[in-house]
Amino acid sequence: QVQLVESGGGLVQAGGSLRLSCAASGRTFNDNGMGWFRQTPGKEREFVATISGSGVNIYYADSVKGRFTISRENGKNTVYLQMSSLKPEDTAVYYCAGRTGWGTAGSTQEDEYAYWGQGTQVTVSS
């Protein structure tokens, strides 16, 4: 059974930092693009960051560019999202997602991801 498990969420003050982890099990995602998305109540899930299987190609949403960093450690089948200079508007449930098959590149599109984690809550207080 393939699983993506996020961890590292929590409550932090504005300006603070958090590091999210996404550990995959059941299959390797070393050749596949991975992504982070987030969702707040009443809104659609939105793209945050994506990284290619090689880790070379990375893309961020404009809202997080310069503050968030996505990385991966293929030997551990894990993807990270380092979040700095957090703002109250970053408050959301953060989801990790993984592509399969020929999906070696990252993607900003939800429907190109086959596997999703259960999400981890990030709350930024003002």
PDB file of N, CA and C in Angstrom:
ATOM      1  N   GLN A   1       0.846  -1.182   0.000  1.00  0.00           N
ATOM      2  CA  GLN A   1       0.000   0.000   0.000  1.00  0.00           C
ATOM      3  C   GLN A   1       0.894   1.249   0.000  1.00  0.00           C
ATOM      4  N   VAL A   2       0.625   2.112  -0.939  1.00  0.00           N
ATOM      5  CA  VAL A   2       1.403   3.336  -1.049  1.00  0.00           C
ATOM      6  C   VAL A   2       0.856   4.379  -0.084  1.00  0.00           C
ATOM      7  N   GLN A   3       1.766   4.992   0.656  1.00  0.00           N
ATOM      8  CA  GLN A   3       1.357   6.038   1.589  1.00  0.00           C
ATOM      9  C   GLN A   3       2.314   7.213   1.524  1.00  0.00           C
ATOM     10  N   LEU A   4       1.752   8.407   1.638  1.00  0.00           N
ATOM     11  CA  LEU A   4       2.522   9.628   1.837  1.00  0.00           C
ATOM     12  C   LEU A   4       2.084  10.192   3.179  1.00  0.00           C
ATOM     13  N   VAL A   5       3.037  10.384   4.073  1.00  0.00           N
ATOM     14  CA  VAL A   5       2.699  10.846   5.416  1.00  0.00           C
ATOM     15  C   VAL A   5       3.420  12.149   5.693  1.00  0.00           C
ATOM     16  N   GLU A   6       2.625  13.211   5.898  1.00  0.00           N
ATOM     17  CA  GLU A   6       3.201  14.514   6.211  1.00  0.00           C
ATOM     18  C   GLU A   6       3.393  14.656   7.710  1.00  0.00           C
ATOM     19  N   SER A   7       4.375  15.445   8.091  1.00  0.00           N
ATOM     20  CA  SER A   7       4.595  15.774   9.492  1.00  0.00           C
ATOM     21  C   SER A   7       5.279  17.132   9.572  1.00  0.00           C
ATOM     22  N   GLY A   8       5.288  17.691  10.772  1.00  0.00           N
ATOM     23  CA  GLY A   8       5.988  18.953  10.980  1.00  0.00           C
ATOM     24  C   GLY A   8       5.106  20.173  11.087  1.00  0.00           C
ATOM     25  N   GLY A   9       3.807  19.983  10.895  1.00  0.00           N
ATOM     26  CA  GLY A   9       2.909  21.123  11.029  1.00  0.00           C
ATOM     27  C   GLY A   9       2.760  21.538  12.482  1.00  0.00           C
ATOM     28  N   GLY A  10       2.100  22.672  12.688  1.00  0.00           N
ATOM     29  CA  GLY A  10       1.880  23.144  14.047  1.00  0.00           C
ATOM     30  C   GLY A  10       1.509  24.601  14.077  1.00  0.00           C
ATOM     31  N   LEU A  11       1.594  25.178  15.264  1.00  0.00           N
ATOM     32  CA  LEU A  11       1.261  26.586  15.482  1.00  0.00           C
ATOM     33  C   LEU A  11       2.554  27.382  15.613  1.00  0.00           C
ATOM     34  N   VAL A  12       2.634  28.479  14.881  1.00  0.00           N
ATOM     35  CA  VAL A  12       3.837  29.307  14.906  1.00  0.00           C
ATOM     36  C   VAL A  12       3.418  30.766  14.796  1.00  0.00           C
ATOM     37  N   GLN A  13       4.207  31.655  15.357  1.00  0.00           N
ATOM     38  CA  GLN A  13       3.924  33.085  15.238  1.00  0.00           C
ATOM     39  C   GLN A  13       4.364  33.610  13.881  1.00  0.00           C
ATOM     40  N   ALA A  14       3.732  34.670  13.461  1.00  0.00           N
ATOM     41  CA  ALA A  14       4.116  35.302  12.203  1.00  0.00           C
ATOM     42  C   ALA A  14       5.601  35.650  12.240  1.00  0.00           C
ATOM     43  N   GLY A  15       6.273  35.391  11.124  1.00  0.00           N
ATOM     44  CA  GLY A  15       7.702  35.601  11.051  1.00  0.00           C
ATOM     45  C   GLY A  15       8.524  34.376  11.378  1.00  0.00           C
ATOM     46  N   GLY A  16       7.866  33.366  11.928  1.00  0.00           N
ATOM     47  CA  GLY A  16       8.554  32.152  12.316  1.00  0.00           C
ATOM     48  C   GLY A  16       8.741  31.177  11.166  1.00  0.00           C
ATOM     49  N   SER A  17       9.255  29.999  11.510  1.00  0.00           N
ATOM     50  CA  SER A  17       9.573  28.980  10.507  1.00  0.00           C
ATOM     51  C   SER A  17       9.051  27.620  10.927  1.00  0.00           C
ATOM     52  N   LEU A  18       8.780  26.808   9.939  1.00  0.00           N
ATOM     53  CA  LEU A  18       8.420  25.408  10.134  1.00  0.00           C
ATOM     54  C   LEU A  18       9.019  24.598   8.991  1.00  0.00           C
ATOM     55  N   ARG A  19       9.293  23.337   9.254  1.00  0.00           N
ATOM     56  CA  ARG A  19       9.760  22.433   8.208  1.00  0.00           C
ATOM     57  C   ARG A  19       8.819  21.252   8.122  1.00  0.00           C
ATOM     58  N   LEU A  20       8.170  21.117   6.991  1.00  0.00           N
ATOM     59  CA  LEU A  20       7.290  19.986   6.764  1.00  0.00           C
ATOM     60  C   LEU A  20       8.069  18.860   6.094  1.00  0.00           C
ATOM     61  N   SER A  21       7.728  17.632   6.458  1.00  0.00           N
ATOM     62  CA  SER A  21       8.315  16.456   5.837  1.00  0.00           C
ATOM     63  C   SER A  21       7.202  15.604   5.233  1.00  0.00           C
ATOM     64  N   CYS A  22       7.531  14.910   4.176  1.00  0.00           N
ATOM     65  CA  CYS A  22       6.592  13.983   3.541  1.00  0.00           C
ATOM     66  C   CYS A  22       7.348  12.692   3.276  1.00  0.00           C
ATOM     67  N   ALA A  23       7.034  11.670   4.037  1.00  0.00           N
ATOM     68  CA  ALA A  23       7.711  10.385   3.915  1.00  0.00           C
ATOM     69  C   ALA A  23       6.834   9.431   3.116  1.00  0.00           C
ATOM     70  N   ALA A  24       7.415   8.862   2.067  1.00  0.00           N
ATOM     71  CA  ALA A  24       6.685   7.936   1.212  1.00  0.00           C
ATOM     72  C   ALA A  24       7.048   6.501   1.566  1.00  0.00           C
ATOM     73  N   SER A  25       6.065   5.624   1.457  1.00  0.00           N
ATOM     74  CA  SER A  25       6.290   4.198   1.664  1.00  0.00           C
ATOM     75  C   SER A  25       5.430   3.420   0.677  1.00  0.00           C
ATOM     76  N   GLY A  26       5.817   2.186   0.437  1.00  0.00           N
ATOM     77  CA  GLY A  26       5.058   1.338  -0.472  1.00  0.00           C
ATOM     78  C   GLY A  26       5.567   1.361  -1.904  1.00  0.00           C
ATOM     79  N   ARG A  27       6.232   2.419  -2.286  1.00  0.00           N
ATOM     80  CA  ARG A  27       6.884   2.517  -3.591  1.00  0.00           C
ATOM     81  C   ARG A  27       7.877   3.666  -3.523  1.00  0.00           C
ATOM     82  N   THR A  28       8.806   3.670  -4.458  1.00  0.00           N
ATOM     83  CA  THR A  28       9.757   4.758  -4.496  1.00  0.00           C
ATOM     84  C   THR A  28       9.267   5.857  -5.436  1.00  0.00           C
ATOM     85  N   PHE A  29       9.485   7.094  -5.057  1.00  0.00           N
ATOM     86  CA  PHE A  29       9.133   8.235  -5.885  1.00  0.00           C
ATOM     87  C   PHE A  29      10.390   8.926  -6.404  1.00  0.00           C
ATOM     88  N   ASN A  30      11.512   8.216  -6.351  1.00  0.00           N
ATOM     89  CA  ASN A  30      12.794   8.845  -6.693  1.00  0.00           C
ATOM     90  C   ASN A  30      12.831   9.385  -8.116  1.00  0.00           C
ATOM     91  N   ASP A  31      12.059   8.792  -9.028  1.00  0.00           N
ATOM     92  CA  ASP A  31      12.071   9.254 -10.409  1.00  0.00           C
ATOM     93  C   ASP A  31      10.894  10.161 -10.733  1.00  0.00           C
ATOM     94  N   ASN A  32      10.107  10.478  -9.745  1.00  0.00           N
ATOM     95  CA  ASN A  32       8.860  11.195  -9.997  1.00  0.00           C
ATOM     96  C   ASN A  32       8.822  12.580  -9.372  1.00  0.00           C
ATOM     97  N   GLY A  33       8.098  13.458 -10.038  1.00  0.00           N
ATOM     98  CA  GLY A  33       7.878  14.771  -9.478  1.00  0.00           C
ATOM     99  C   GLY A  33       7.025  14.702  -8.217  1.00  0.00           C
ATOM    100  N   MET A  34       7.319  15.571  -7.281  1.00  0.00           N
ATOM    101  CA  MET A  34       6.562  15.664  -6.040  1.00  0.00           C
ATOM    102  C   MET A  34       6.119  17.117  -5.858  1.00  0.00           C
ATOM    103  N   GLY A  35       5.045  17.282  -5.108  1.00  0.00           N
ATOM    104  CA  GLY A  35       4.554  18.640  -4.914  1.00  0.00           C
ATOM    105  C   GLY A  35       3.947  18.849  -3.545  1.00  0.00           C
ATOM    106  N   TRP A  36       3.817  20.120  -3.186  1.00  0.00           N
ATOM    107  CA  TRP A  36       3.099  20.526  -1.988  1.00  0.00           C
ATOM    108  C   TRP A  36       1.950  21.446  -2.410  1.00  0.00           C
ATOM    109  N   PHE A  37       0.804  21.192  -1.811  1.00  0.00           N
ATOM    110  CA  PHE A  37      -0.382  22.006  -2.029  1.00  0.00           C
ATOM    111  C   PHE A  37      -0.929  22.395  -0.655  1.00  0.00           C
ATOM    112  N   ARG A  38      -1.841  23.370  -0.630  1.00  0.00           N
ATOM    113  CA  ARG A  38      -2.452  23.737   0.641  1.00  0.00           C
ATOM    114  C   ARG A  38      -3.913  24.130   0.419  1.00  0.00           C
ATOM    115  N   GLN A  39      -4.679  24.017   1.506  1.00  0.00           N
ATOM    116  CA  GLN A  39      -6.104  24.323   1.407  1.00  0.00           C
ATOM    117  C   GLN A  39      -6.604  24.924   2.706  1.00  0.00           C
ATOM    118  N   THR A  40      -7.420  25.963   2.576  1.00  0.00           N
ATOM    119  CA  THR A  40      -8.079  26.563   3.728  1.00  0.00           C
ATOM    120  C   THR A  40      -9.577  26.328   3.596  1.00  0.00           C
ATOM    121  N   PRO A  41     -10.307  26.328   4.706  1.00  0.00           N
ATOM    122  CA  PRO A  41     -11.758  26.055   4.656  1.00  0.00           C
ATOM    123  C   PRO A  41     -12.482  26.982   3.689  1.00  0.00           C
ATOM    124  N   GLY A  42     -13.315  26.394   2.854  1.00  0.00           N
ATOM    125  CA  GLY A  42     -14.104  27.179   1.926  1.00  0.00           C
ATOM    126  C   GLY A  42     -13.391  27.564   0.655  1.00  0.00           C
ATOM    127  N   LYS A  43     -12.137  27.175   0.539  1.00  0.00           N
ATOM    128  CA  LYS A  43     -11.375  27.505  -0.665  1.00  0.00           C
ATOM    129  C   LYS A  43     -10.871  26.244  -1.340  1.00  0.00           C
ATOM    130  N   GLU A  44     -10.553  26.374  -2.624  1.00  0.00           N
ATOM    131  CA  GLU A  44      -9.994  25.243  -3.340  1.00  0.00           C
ATOM    132  C   GLU A  44      -8.532  25.046  -2.939  1.00  0.00           C
ATOM    133  N   ARG A  45      -8.103  23.810  -3.095  1.00  0.00           N
ATOM    134  CA  ARG A  45      -6.708  23.513  -2.816  1.00  0.00           C
ATOM    135  C   ARG A  45      -5.836  24.262  -3.831  1.00  0.00           C
ATOM    136  N   GLU A  46      -4.712  24.814  -3.360  1.00  0.00           N
ATOM    137  CA  GLU A  46      -3.854  25.589  -4.249  1.00  0.00           C
ATOM    138  C   GLU A  46      -2.426  25.052  -4.237  1.00  0.00           C
ATOM    139  N   PHE A  47      -1.766  25.236  -5.347  1.00  0.00           N
ATOM    140  CA  PHE A  47      -0.388  24.811  -5.529  1.00  0.00           C
ATOM    141  C   PHE A  47       0.542  25.660  -4.681  1.00  0.00           C
ATOM    142  N   VAL A  48       1.569  25.019  -4.109  1.00  0.00           N
ATOM    143  CA  VAL A  48       2.573  25.733  -3.322  1.00  0.00           C
ATOM    144  C   VAL A  48       3.961  25.600  -3.960  1.00  0.00           C
ATOM    145  N   ALA A  49       4.408  24.358  -4.172  1.00  0.00           N
ATOM    146  CA  ALA A  49       5.755  24.140  -4.696  1.00  0.00           C
ATOM    147  C   ALA A  49       5.838  22.757  -5.309  1.00  0.00           C
ATOM    148  N   THR A  50       6.764  22.586  -6.255  1.00  0.00           N
ATOM    149  CA  THR A  50       6.967  21.286  -6.866  1.00  0.00           C
ATOM    150  C   THR A  50       8.438  21.100  -7.184  1.00  0.00           C
ATOM    151  N   ILE A  51       8.849  19.819  -7.222  1.00  0.00           N
ATOM    152  CA  ILE A  51      10.242  19.484  -7.482  1.00  0.00           C
ATOM    153  C   ILE A  51      10.283  18.262  -8.386  1.00  0.00           C
ATOM    154  N   SER A  52      11.188  18.245  -9.343  1.00  0.00           N
ATOM    155  CA  SER A  52      11.317  17.114 -10.249  1.00  0.00           C
ATOM    156  C   SER A  52      11.977  15.936  -9.540  1.00  0.00           C
ATOM    157  N   GLY A  53      11.924  14.772 -10.202  1.00  0.00           N
ATOM    158  CA  GLY A  53      12.514  13.581  -9.617  1.00  0.00           C
ATOM    159  C   GLY A  53      14.000  13.741  -9.322  1.00  0.00           C
ATOM    160  N   SER A  54      14.699  14.428 -10.192  1.00  0.00           N
ATOM    161  CA  SER A  54      16.135  14.650 -10.008  1.00  0.00           C
ATOM    162  C   SER A  54      16.428  15.722  -8.970  1.00  0.00           C
ATOM    163  N   GLY A  55      15.429  16.528  -8.665  1.00  0.00           N
ATOM    164  CA  GLY A  55      15.622  17.632  -7.738  1.00  0.00           C
ATOM    165  C   GLY A  55      16.161  18.889  -8.391  1.00  0.00           C
ATOM    166  N   VAL A  56      16.384  18.828  -9.689  1.00  0.00           N
ATOM    167  CA  VAL A  56      16.999  19.950 -10.388  1.00  0.00           C
ATOM    168  C   VAL A  56      15.982  21.056 -10.684  1.00  0.00           C
ATOM    169  N   ASN A  57      14.805  20.649 -11.108  1.00  0.00           N
ATOM    170  CA  ASN A  57      13.790  21.628 -11.505  1.00  0.00           C
ATOM    171  C   ASN A  57      12.792  21.854 -10.385  1.00  0.00           C
ATOM    172  N   ILE A  58      12.652  23.114 -10.001  1.00  0.00           N
ATOM    173  CA  ILE A  58      11.811  23.503  -8.874  1.00  0.00           C
ATOM    174  C   ILE A  58      10.970  24.706  -9.294  1.00  0.00           C
ATOM    175  N   TYR A  59       9.743  24.754  -8.801  1.00  0.00           N
ATOM    176  CA  TYR A  59       8.857  25.861  -9.137  1.00  0.00           C
ATOM    177  C   TYR A  59       7.997  26.175  -7.930  1.00  0.00           C
ATOM    178  N   TYR A  60       7.791  27.475  -7.698  1.00  0.00           N
ATOM    179  CA  TYR A  60       7.012  27.919  -6.544  1.00  0.00           C
ATOM    180  C   TYR A  60       5.842  28.800  -6.969  1.00  0.00           C
ATOM    181  N   ALA A  61       4.801  28.782  -6.171  1.00  0.00           N
ATOM    182  CA  ALA A  61       3.738  29.759  -6.327  1.00  0.00           C
ATOM    183  C   ALA A  61       4.310  31.128  -5.972  1.00  0.00           C
ATOM    184  N   ASP A  62       3.812  32.158  -6.622  1.00  0.00           N
ATOM    185  CA  ASP A  62       4.318  33.510  -6.368  1.00  0.00           C
ATOM    186  C   ASP A  62       4.164  33.903  -4.900  1.00  0.00           C
ATOM    187  N   SER A  63       3.118  33.410  -4.271  1.00  0.00           N
ATOM    188  CA  SER A  63       2.819  33.800  -2.899  1.00  0.00           C
ATOM    189  C   SER A  63       3.839  33.305  -1.882  1.00  0.00           C
ATOM    190  N   VAL A  64       4.628  32.301  -2.268  1.00  0.00           N
ATOM    191  CA  VAL A  64       5.598  31.736  -1.321  1.00  0.00           C
ATOM    192  C   VAL A  64       7.038  31.876  -1.801  1.00  0.00           C
ATOM    193  N   LYS A  65       7.221  32.359  -3.002  1.00  0.00           N
ATOM    194  CA  LYS A  65       8.547  32.471  -3.579  1.00  0.00           C
ATOM    195  C   LYS A  65       9.436  33.350  -2.706  1.00  0.00           C
ATOM    196  N   GLY A  66      10.637  32.867  -2.428  1.00  0.00           N
ATOM    197  CA  GLY A  66      11.574  33.612  -1.583  1.00  0.00           C
ATOM    198  C   GLY A  66      11.432  33.314  -0.105  1.00  0.00           C
ATOM    199  N   ARG A  67      10.334  32.642   0.262  1.00  0.00           N
ATOM    200  CA  ARG A  67      10.116  32.310   1.677  1.00  0.00           C
ATOM    201  C   ARG A  67      10.109  30.796   1.926  1.00  0.00           C
ATOM    202  N   PHE A  68       9.660  30.035   0.967  1.00  0.00           N
ATOM    203  CA  PHE A  68       9.583  28.584   1.101  1.00  0.00           C
ATOM    204  C   PHE A  68      10.643  27.931   0.218  1.00  0.00           C
ATOM    205  N   THR A  69      11.128  26.763   0.684  1.00  0.00           N
ATOM    206  CA  THR A  69      12.090  25.992  -0.092  1.00  0.00           C
ATOM    207  C   THR A  69      11.683  24.526  -0.089  1.00  0.00           C
ATOM    208  N   ILE A  70      11.532  23.967  -1.282  1.00  0.00           N
ATOM    209  CA  ILE A  70      11.220  22.551  -1.414  1.00  0.00           C
ATOM    210  C   ILE A  70      12.515  21.806  -1.707  1.00  0.00           C
ATOM    211  N   SER A  71      12.648  20.624  -1.128  1.00  0.00           N
ATOM    212  CA  SER A  71      13.828  19.797  -1.376  1.00  0.00           C
ATOM    213  C   SER A  71      13.428  18.343  -1.233  1.00  0.00           C
ATOM    214  N   ARG A  72      14.300  17.465  -1.646  1.00  0.00           N
ATOM    215  CA  ARG A  72      14.018  16.041  -1.512  1.00  0.00           C
ATOM    216  C   ARG A  72      15.289  15.288  -1.186  1.00  0.00           C
ATOM    217  N   GLU A  73      15.088  14.172  -0.515  1.00  0.00           N
ATOM    218  CA  GLU A  73      16.170  13.279  -0.157  1.00  0.00           C
ATOM    219  C   GLU A  73      15.765  11.902  -0.655  1.00  0.00           C
ATOM    220  N   ASN A  74      16.176  11.593  -1.873  1.00  0.00           N
ATOM    221  CA  ASN A  74      15.706  10.362  -2.514  1.00  0.00           C
ATOM    222  C   ASN A  74      16.123   9.107  -1.765  1.00  0.00           C
ATOM    223  N   GLY A  75      17.249   9.147  -1.110  1.00  0.00           N
ATOM    224  CA  GLY A  75      17.679   7.984  -0.347  1.00  0.00           C
ATOM    225  C   GLY A  75      16.732   7.645   0.792  1.00  0.00           C
ATOM    226  N   LYS A  76      15.963   8.655   1.206  1.00  0.00           N
ATOM    227  CA  LYS A  76      14.991   8.443   2.288  1.00  0.00           C
ATOM    228  C   LYS A  76      13.555   8.488   1.769  1.00  0.00           C
ATOM    229  N   ASN A  77      13.418   8.638   0.437  1.00  0.00           N
ATOM    230  CA  ASN A  77      12.074   8.688  -0.156  1.00  0.00           C
ATOM    231  C   ASN A  77      11.234   9.770   0.524  1.00  0.00           C
ATOM    232  N   THR A  78      11.847  10.919   0.756  1.00  0.00           N
ATOM    233  CA  THR A  78      11.224  11.987   1.532  1.00  0.00           C
ATOM    234  C   THR A  78      11.373  13.329   0.824  1.00  0.00           C
ATOM    235  N   VAL A  79      10.327  14.132   0.932  1.00  0.00           N
ATOM    236  CA  VAL A  79      10.321  15.488   0.399  1.00  0.00           C
ATOM    237  C   VAL A  79      10.075  16.452   1.557  1.00  0.00           C
ATOM    238  N   TYR A  80      10.685  17.615   1.469  1.00  0.00           N
ATOM    239  CA  TYR A  80      10.585  18.599   2.545  1.00  0.00           C
ATOM    240  C   TYR A  80      10.042  19.921   2.013  1.00  0.00           C
ATOM    241  N   LEU A  81       9.459  20.679   2.908  1.00  0.00           N
ATOM    242  CA  LEU A  81       9.080  22.054   2.604  1.00  0.00           C
ATOM    243  C   LEU A  81       9.514  22.913   3.783  1.00  0.00           C
ATOM    244  N   GLN A  82      10.582  23.669   3.586  1.00  0.00           N
ATOM    245  CA  GLN A  82      11.051  24.601   4.604  1.00  0.00           C
ATOM    246  C   GLN A  82      10.312  25.915   4.419  1.00  0.00           C
ATOM    247  N   MET A  83       9.611  26.339   5.454  1.00  0.00           N
ATOM    248  CA  MET A  83       8.794  27.542   5.382  1.00  0.00           C
ATOM    249  C   MET A  83       9.357  28.583   6.352  1.00  0.00           C
ATOM    250  N   SER A  84       9.686  29.747   5.835  1.00  0.00           N
ATOM    251  CA  SER A  84      10.244  30.823   6.648  1.00  0.00           C
ATOM    252  C   SER A  84       9.423  32.088   6.443  1.00  0.00           C
ATOM    253  N   SER A  85       9.645  33.045   7.336  1.00  0.00           N
ATOM    254  CA  SER A  85       8.913  34.320   7.273  1.00  0.00           C
ATOM    255  C   SER A  85       7.417  34.078   7.102  1.00  0.00           C
ATOM    256  N   LEU A  86       6.902  33.181   7.907  1.00  0.00           N
ATOM    257  CA  LEU A  86       5.501  32.778   7.767  1.00  0.00           C
ATOM    258  C   LEU A  86       4.558  33.930   8.064  1.00  0.00           C
ATOM    259  N   LYS A  87       3.448  33.935   7.337  1.00  0.00           N
ATOM    260  CA  LYS A  87       2.421  34.956   7.478  1.00  0.00           C
ATOM    261  C   LYS A  87       1.107  34.292   7.867  1.00  0.00           C
ATOM    262  N   PRO A  88       0.191  35.033   8.500  1.00  0.00           N
ATOM    263  CA  PRO A  88      -1.110  34.448   8.850  1.00  0.00           C
ATOM    264  C   PRO A  88      -1.821  33.855   7.631  1.00  0.00           C
ATOM    265  N   GLU A  89      -1.638  34.430   6.468  1.00  0.00           N
ATOM    266  CA  GLU A  89      -2.296  33.903   5.272  1.00  0.00           C
ATOM    267  C   GLU A  89      -1.695  32.593   4.788  1.00  0.00           C
ATOM    268  N   ASP A  90      -0.610  32.136   5.395  1.00  0.00           N
ATOM    269  CA  ASP A  90      -0.065  30.814   5.092  1.00  0.00           C
ATOM    270  C   ASP A  90      -0.789  29.717   5.869  1.00  0.00           C
ATOM    271  N   THR A  91      -1.664  30.106   6.783  1.00  0.00           N
ATOM    272  CA  THR A  91      -2.429  29.131   7.557  1.00  0.00           C
ATOM    273  C   THR A  91      -3.279  28.272   6.634  1.00  0.00           C
ATOM    274  N   ALA A  92      -3.110  26.957   6.737  1.00  0.00           N
ATOM    275  CA  ALA A  92      -3.810  26.018   5.851  1.00  0.00           C
ATOM    276  C   ALA A  92      -3.453  24.596   6.244  1.00  0.00           C
ATOM    277  N   VAL A  93      -4.153  23.655   5.653  1.00  0.00           N
ATOM    278  CA  VAL A  93      -3.725  22.258   5.690  1.00  0.00           C
ATOM    279  C   VAL A  93      -2.817  22.049   4.495  1.00  0.00           C
ATOM    280  N   TYR A  94      -1.639  21.536   4.736  1.00  0.00           N
ATOM    281  CA  TYR A  94      -0.644  21.332   3.689  1.00  0.00           C
ATOM    282  C   TYR A  94      -0.607  19.859   3.305  1.00  0.00           C
ATOM    283  N   TYR A  95      -0.682  19.613   1.999  1.00  0.00           N
ATOM    284  CA  TYR A  95      -0.700  18.264   1.460  1.00  0.00           C
ATOM    285  C   TYR A  95       0.522  18.007   0.586  1.00  0.00           C
ATOM    286  N   CYS A  96       1.056  16.816   0.729  1.00  0.00           N
ATOM    287  CA  CYS A  96       2.131  16.338  -0.125  1.00  0.00           C
ATOM    288  C   CYS A  96       1.499  15.468  -1.214  1.00  0.00           C
ATOM    289  N   ALA A  97       2.073  15.506  -2.420  1.00  0.00           N
ATOM    290  CA  ALA A  97       1.541  14.715  -3.516  1.00  0.00           C
ATOM    291  C   ALA A  97       2.674  14.163  -4.367  1.00  0.00           C
ATOM    292  N   GLY A  98       2.434  12.988  -4.958  1.00  0.00           N
ATOM    293  CA  GLY A  98       3.440  12.353  -5.786  1.00  0.00           C
ATOM    294  C   GLY A  98       2.917  11.917  -7.141  1.00  0.00           C
ATOM    295  N   ARG A  99       3.697  12.127  -8.167  1.00  0.00           N
ATOM    296  CA  ARG A  99       3.347  11.686  -9.503  1.00  0.00           C
ATOM    297  C   ARG A  99       3.841  10.257  -9.694  1.00  0.00           C
ATOM    298  N   THR A 100       3.342   9.599 -10.748  1.00  0.00           N
ATOM    299  CA  THR A 100       3.778   8.246 -11.054  1.00  0.00           C
ATOM    300  C   THR A 100       4.025   8.123 -12.555  1.00  0.00           C
ATOM    301  N   GLY A 101       4.461   6.938 -12.961  1.00  0.00           N
ATOM    302  CA  GLY A 101       4.643   6.662 -14.379  1.00  0.00           C
ATOM    303  C   GLY A 101       5.730   7.539 -14.978  1.00  0.00           C
ATOM    304  N   TRP A 102       5.391   8.271 -16.046  1.00  0.00           N
ATOM    305  CA  TRP A 102       6.348   9.097 -16.760  1.00  0.00           C
ATOM    306  C   TRP A 102       6.463  10.493 -16.149  1.00  0.00           C
ATOM    307  N   GLY A 103       5.854  10.677 -15.033  1.00  0.00           N
ATOM    308  CA  GLY A 103       5.841  12.004 -14.403  1.00  0.00           C
ATOM    309  C   GLY A 103       7.119  12.313 -13.664  1.00  0.00           C
ATOM    310  N   THR A 104       8.216  12.488 -14.400  1.00  0.00           N
ATOM    311  CA  THR A 104       9.481  12.795 -13.753  1.00  0.00           C
ATOM    312  C   THR A 104       9.595  14.271 -13.390  1.00  0.00           C
ATOM    313  N   ALA A 105       8.859  15.093 -14.104  1.00  0.00           N
ATOM    314  CA  ALA A 105       8.905  16.527 -13.826  1.00  0.00           C
ATOM    315  C   ALA A 105       7.944  16.871 -12.702  1.00  0.00           C
ATOM    316  N   GLY A 106       8.147  18.034 -12.129  1.00  0.00           N
ATOM    317  CA  GLY A 106       7.178  18.537 -11.184  1.00  0.00           C
ATOM    318  C   GLY A 106       5.961  19.055 -11.936  1.00  0.00           C
ATOM    319  N   SER A 107       4.917  19.382 -11.215  1.00  0.00           N
ATOM    320  CA  SER A 107       3.715  19.915 -11.853  1.00  0.00           C
ATOM    321  C   SER A 107       2.963  20.811 -10.883  1.00  0.00           C
ATOM    322  N   THR A 108       2.317  21.831 -11.437  1.00  0.00           N
ATOM    323  CA  THR A 108       1.478  22.715 -10.631  1.00  0.00           C
ATOM    324  C   THR A 108       0.026  22.244 -10.620  1.00  0.00           C
ATOM    325  N   GLN A 109      -0.262  21.198 -11.393  1.00  0.00           N
ATOM    326  CA  GLN A 109      -1.637  20.740 -11.593  1.00  0.00           C
ATOM    327  C   GLN A 109      -1.981  19.562 -10.700  1.00  0.00           C
ATOM    328  N   GLU A 110      -3.040  19.701  -9.917  1.00  0.00           N
ATOM    329  CA  GLU A 110      -3.453  18.645  -8.997  1.00  0.00           C
ATOM    330  C   GLU A 110      -3.713  17.326  -9.691  1.00  0.00           C
ATOM    331  N   ASP A 111      -4.346  17.376 -10.871  1.00  0.00           N
ATOM    332  CA  ASP A 111      -4.774  16.137 -11.509  1.00  0.00           C
ATOM    333  C   ASP A 111      -3.623  15.345 -12.108  1.00  0.00           C
ATOM    334  N   GLU A 112      -2.405  15.867 -12.015  1.00  0.00           N
ATOM    335  CA  GLU A 112      -1.256  15.115 -12.503  1.00  0.00           C
ATOM    336  C   GLU A 112      -0.574  14.329 -11.373  1.00  0.00           C
ATOM    337  N   TYR A 113      -1.163  14.387 -10.201  1.00  0.00           N
ATOM    338  CA  TYR A 113      -0.621  13.656  -9.062  1.00  0.00           C
ATOM    339  C   TYR A 113      -1.536  12.476  -8.721  1.00  0.00           C
ATOM    340  N   ALA A 114      -0.930  11.309  -8.550  1.00  0.00           N
ATOM    341  CA  ALA A 114      -1.709  10.098  -8.296  1.00  0.00           C
ATOM    342  C   ALA A 114      -1.849   9.798  -6.813  1.00  0.00           C
ATOM    343  N   TYR A 115      -0.902  10.253  -6.018  1.00  0.00           N
ATOM    344  CA  TYR A 115      -0.913   9.923  -4.594  1.00  0.00           C
ATOM    345  C   TYR A 115      -0.877  11.205  -3.769  1.00  0.00           C
ATOM    346  N   TRP A 116      -1.638  11.148  -2.670  1.00  0.00           N
ATOM    347  CA  TRP A 116      -1.752  12.308  -1.774  1.00  0.00           C
ATOM    348  C   TRP A 116      -1.629  11.869  -0.326  1.00  0.00           C
ATOM    349  N   GLY A 117      -1.027  12.729   0.485  1.00  0.00           N
ATOM    350  CA  GLY A 117      -1.000  12.491   1.909  1.00  0.00           C
ATOM    351  C   GLY A 117      -2.288  12.958   2.564  1.00  0.00           C
ATOM    352  N   GLN A 118      -2.370  12.770   3.874  1.00  0.00           N
ATOM    353  CA  GLN A 118      -3.580  13.109   4.607  1.00  0.00           C
ATOM    354  C   GLN A 118      -3.609  14.577   5.019  1.00  0.00           C
ATOM    355  N   GLY A 119      -2.480  15.239   4.908  1.00  0.00           N
ATOM    356  CA  GLY A 119      -2.399  16.652   5.240  1.00  0.00           C
ATOM    357  C   GLY A 119      -1.897  16.912   6.647  1.00  0.00           C
ATOM    358  N   THR A 120      -1.278  18.064   6.823  1.00  0.00           N
ATOM    359  CA  THR A 120      -0.821  18.502   8.139  1.00  0.00           C
ATOM    360  C   THR A 120      -1.191  19.974   8.304  1.00  0.00           C
ATOM    361  N   GLN A 121      -1.723  20.307   9.475  1.00  0.00           N
ATOM    362  CA  GLN A 121      -2.209  21.668   9.709  1.00  0.00           C
ATOM    363  C   GLN A 121      -1.063  22.597  10.071  1.00  0.00           C
ATOM    364  N   VAL A 122      -1.024  23.733   9.412  1.00  0.00           N
ATOM    365  CA  VAL A 122      -0.096  24.816   9.743  1.00  0.00           C
ATOM    366  C   VAL A 122      -0.928  26.037  10.110  1.00  0.00           C
ATOM    367  N   THR A 123      -0.701  26.549  11.304  1.00  0.00           N
ATOM    368  CA  THR A 123      -1.424  27.732  11.763  1.00  0.00           C
ATOM    369  C   THR A 123      -0.415  28.813  12.140  1.00  0.00           C
ATOM    370  N   VAL A 124      -0.564  29.976  11.537  1.00  0.00           N
ATOM    371  CA  VAL A 124       0.332  31.098  11.792  1.00  0.00           C
ATOM    372  C   VAL A 124      -0.459  32.195  12.483  1.00  0.00           C
ATOM    373  N   SER A 125      -0.054  32.507  13.695  1.00  0.00           N
ATOM    374  CA  SER A 125      -0.764  33.531  14.467  1.00  0.00           C
ATOM    375  C   SER A 125      -0.132  34.900  14.242  1.00  0.00           C
ATOM    376  N   SER A 126      -0.983  35.931  14.311  1.00  0.00           N
ATOM    377  CA  SER A 126      -0.476  37.292  14.070  1.00  0.00           C
ATOM    378  C   SER A 126      -0.004  37.957  15.345  1.00  0.00           C
TER     379      SER A 126
END
